[in-house]
Amino acid sequence: MNKPSIVTYALANGLLTALYALLIALFFANAHDLFGDVKSTLIPMAMLLLFVFSALVCGSLVLGRPLMWYLDGKKKEALKLLGYTALTLFIVMIFVFVALYIVSNT
């Protein structure tokens, strides 16, 4: 069985990161319906924990494999993977901004 290419890993990393961002955005969009109008110190704590968890998830998706490859001596491949992952995220971001622009002007 063939090993996935660097571009395949990059697309998977970028798209999974974008999917995770979508899930968090959906959570924020529906948080008021889920929790109501809660006034509690648990809200800032929950948001900070979500922020830390999100940094862990996104950091793992974007930096995990490139860091492992870099430490294993595959420096060129690691940098390519990081670059292609960044490019994937940039392209997804452009699509999101274009969609936002279209929706806001209709």
C-alpha atoms as a PDB file:
ATOM      1  CA  MET A   1       0.000   0.000   0.000  1.00  0.00           C
ATOM      2  CA  ASN A   2       1.342   3.422  -0.952  1.00  0.00           C
ATOM      3  CA  LYS A   3       2.228   5.943   1.719  1.00  0.00           C
ATOM      4  CA  PRO A   4       0.171   9.183   1.550  1.00  0.00           C
ATOM      5  CA  SER A   5       1.977  12.123  -0.019  1.00  0.00           C
ATOM      6  CA  ILE A   6       2.947  15.310   1.775  1.00  0.00           C
ATOM      7  CA  VAL A   7       0.140  17.149  -0.018  1.00  0.00           C
ATOM      8  CA  THR A   8      -2.389  14.550   1.198  1.00  0.00           C
ATOM      9  CA  TYR A   9      -1.221  15.010   4.791  1.00  0.00           C
ATOM     10  CA  ALA A  10      -1.343  18.791   4.374  1.00  0.00           C
ATOM     11  CA  LEU A  11      -4.883  18.731   2.962  1.00  0.00           C
ATOM     12  CA  ALA A  12      -6.036  16.458   5.780  1.00  0.00           C
ATOM     13  CA  ASN A  13      -4.392  18.648   8.439  1.00  0.00           C
ATOM     14  CA  GLY A  14      -5.773  21.877   6.969  1.00  0.00           C
ATOM     15  CA  LEU A  15      -9.278  20.591   6.343  1.00  0.00           C
ATOM     16  CA  LEU A  16      -9.544  18.940   9.770  1.00  0.00           C
ATOM     17  CA  THR A  17      -8.418  22.192  11.375  1.00  0.00           C
ATOM     18  CA  ALA A  18     -11.042  24.095   9.363  1.00  0.00           C
ATOM     19  CA  LEU A  19     -13.686  21.537  10.363  1.00  0.00           C
ATOM     20  CA  TYR A  20     -12.740  21.961  14.019  1.00  0.00           C
ATOM     21  CA  ALA A  21     -13.036  25.758  13.632  1.00  0.00           C
ATOM     22  CA  LEU A  22     -16.482  25.265  12.066  1.00  0.00           C
ATOM     23  CA  LEU A  23     -17.604  23.118  14.991  1.00  0.00           C
ATOM     24  CA  ILE A  24     -16.418  25.727  17.500  1.00  0.00           C
ATOM     25  CA  ALA A  25     -18.154  28.470  15.491  1.00  0.00           C
ATOM     26  CA  LEU A  26     -21.389  26.453  15.489  1.00  0.00           C
ATOM     27  CA  PHE A  27     -21.050  26.022  19.247  1.00  0.00           C
ATOM     28  CA  PHE A  28     -20.639  29.785  19.723  1.00  0.00           C
ATOM     29  CA  ALA A  29     -23.555  30.525  17.393  1.00  0.00           C
ATOM     30  CA  ASN A  30     -25.829  28.242  19.430  1.00  0.00           C
ATOM     31  CA  ALA A  31     -24.399  28.747  22.933  1.00  0.00           C
ATOM     32  CA  HIS A  32     -27.216  31.083  23.992  1.00  0.00           C
ATOM     33  CA  ASP A  33     -29.813  28.473  22.982  1.00  0.00           C
ATOM     34  CA  LEU A  34     -27.911  25.773  24.855  1.00  0.00           C
ATOM     35  CA  PHE A  35     -27.172  27.641  28.079  1.00  0.00           C
ATOM     36  CA  GLY A  36     -29.588  30.567  28.122  1.00  0.00           C
ATOM     37  CA  ASP A  37     -28.679  33.878  29.730  1.00  0.00           C
ATOM     38  CA  VAL A  38     -26.305  32.562  32.376  1.00  0.00           C
ATOM     39  CA  LYS A  39     -24.392  35.006  34.581  1.00  0.00           C
ATOM     40  CA  SER A  40     -21.621  33.014  36.204  1.00  0.00           C
ATOM     41  CA  THR A  41     -17.877  32.964  36.675  1.00  0.00           C
ATOM     42  CA  LEU A  42     -17.984  29.550  35.005  1.00  0.00           C
ATOM     43  CA  ILE A  43     -18.462  31.271  31.618  1.00  0.00           C
ATOM     44  CA  PRO A  44     -14.980  32.882  31.503  1.00  0.00           C
ATOM     45  CA  MET A  45     -13.451  29.689  32.873  1.00  0.00           C
ATOM     46  CA  ALA A  46     -15.188  27.609  30.199  1.00  0.00           C
ATOM     47  CA  MET A  47     -14.045  30.006  27.454  1.00  0.00           C
ATOM     48  CA  LEU A  48     -10.429  29.957  28.667  1.00  0.00           C
ATOM     49  CA  LEU A  49     -10.462  26.162  28.840  1.00  0.00           C
ATOM     50  CA  LEU A  50     -11.948  26.024  25.326  1.00  0.00           C
ATOM     51  CA  PHE A  51      -9.211  28.386  24.146  1.00  0.00           C
ATOM     52  CA  VAL A  52      -6.465  26.203  25.650  1.00  0.00           C
ATOM     53  CA  PHE A  53      -8.058  23.019  24.288  1.00  0.00           C
ATOM     54  CA  SER A  54      -8.402  24.615  20.843  1.00  0.00           C
ATOM     55  CA  ALA A  55      -4.741  25.610  20.874  1.00  0.00           C
ATOM     56  CA  LEU A  56      -3.877  21.999  21.705  1.00  0.00           C
ATOM     57  CA  VAL A  57      -6.081  20.526  18.963  1.00  0.00           C
ATOM     58  CA  CYS A  58      -5.052  23.007  16.255  1.00  0.00           C
ATOM     59  CA  GLY A  59      -1.406  22.898  17.285  1.00  0.00           C
ATOM     60  CA  SER A  60      -1.460  19.111  17.080  1.00  0.00           C
ATOM     61  CA  LEU A  61      -3.143  19.126  13.677  1.00  0.00           C
ATOM     62  CA  VAL A  62      -0.904  21.797  12.158  1.00  0.00           C
ATOM     63  CA  LEU A  63       2.403  21.194  13.916  1.00  0.00           C
ATOM     64  CA  GLY A  64       2.313  17.590  15.154  1.00  0.00           C
ATOM     65  CA  ARG A  65       3.499  15.613  12.150  1.00  0.00           C
ATOM     66  CA  PRO A  66       5.908  18.310  10.861  1.00  0.00           C
ATOM     67  CA  LEU A  67       7.551  18.443  14.293  1.00  0.00           C
ATOM     68  CA  MET A  68       7.866  14.654  14.435  1.00  0.00           C
ATOM     69  CA  TRP A  69       9.352  14.575  10.934  1.00  0.00           C
ATOM     70  CA  TYR A  70      11.725  17.432  11.738  1.00  0.00           C
ATOM     71  CA  LEU A  71      12.974  15.678  14.859  1.00  0.00           C
ATOM     72  CA  ASP A  72      13.391  12.452  12.856  1.00  0.00           C
ATOM     73  CA  GLY A  73      15.740  14.268  10.479  1.00  0.00           C
ATOM     74  CA  LYS A  74      13.239  14.763   7.646  1.00  0.00           C
ATOM     75  CA  LYS A  75      13.658  18.538   7.778  1.00  0.00           C
ATOM     76  CA  LYS A  76      12.864  19.265   4.129  1.00  0.00           C
ATOM     77  CA  GLU A  77       9.672  17.171   4.191  1.00  0.00           C
ATOM     78  CA  ALA A  78       8.624  18.692   7.529  1.00  0.00           C
ATOM     79  CA  LEU A  79       8.941  22.236   6.203  1.00  0.00           C
ATOM     80  CA  LYS A  80       7.080  21.313   3.003  1.00  0.00           C
ATOM     81  CA  LEU A  81       4.251  19.778   5.034  1.00  0.00           C
ATOM     82  CA  LEU A  82       4.024  22.846   7.257  1.00  0.00           C
ATOM     83  CA  GLY A  83       4.006  25.124   4.210  1.00  0.00           C
ATOM     84  CA  TYR A  84       1.353  23.118   2.368  1.00  0.00           C
ATOM     85  CA  THR A  85      -0.775  22.959   5.516  1.00  0.00           C
ATOM     86  CA  ALA A  86      -0.499  26.741   5.894  1.00  0.00           C
ATOM     87  CA  LEU A  87      -1.439  27.130   2.222  1.00  0.00           C
ATOM     88  CA  THR A  88      -4.476  24.877   2.696  1.00  0.00           C
ATOM     89  CA  LEU A  89      -5.626  26.916   5.691  1.00  0.00           C
ATOM     90  CA  PHE A  90      -5.057  30.148   3.758  1.00  0.00           C
ATOM     91  CA  ILE A  91      -7.172  28.917   0.832  1.00  0.00           C
ATOM     92  CA  VAL A  92      -9.974  27.815   3.175  1.00  0.00           C
ATOM     93  CA  MET A  93      -9.790  31.219   4.897  1.00  0.00           C
ATOM     94  CA  ILE A  94     -10.098  33.023   1.540  1.00  0.00           C
ATOM     95  CA  PHE A  95     -13.162  30.911   0.657  1.00  0.00           C
ATOM     96  CA  VAL A  96     -14.727  31.745   4.026  1.00  0.00           C
ATOM     97  CA  PHE A  97     -14.124  35.484   3.565  1.00  0.00           C
ATOM     98  CA  VAL A  98     -15.503  35.376   0.009  1.00  0.00           C
ATOM     99  CA  ALA A  99     -18.597  33.508   1.258  1.00  0.00           C
ATOM    100  CA  LEU A 100     -18.987  36.032   4.080  1.00  0.00           C
ATOM    101  CA  TYR A 101     -18.711  38.904   1.597  1.00  0.00           C
ATOM    102  CA  ILE A 102     -21.316  37.325  -0.700  1.00  0.00           C
ATOM    103  CA  VAL A 103     -23.719  36.648   2.172  1.00  0.00           C
ATOM    104  CA  SER A 104     -23.316  40.150   3.606  1.00  0.00           C
ATOM    105  CA  ASN A 105     -24.025  41.829   0.257  1.00  0.00           C
ATOM    106  CA  THR A 106     -27.181  39.936  -0.667  1.00  0.00           C
END
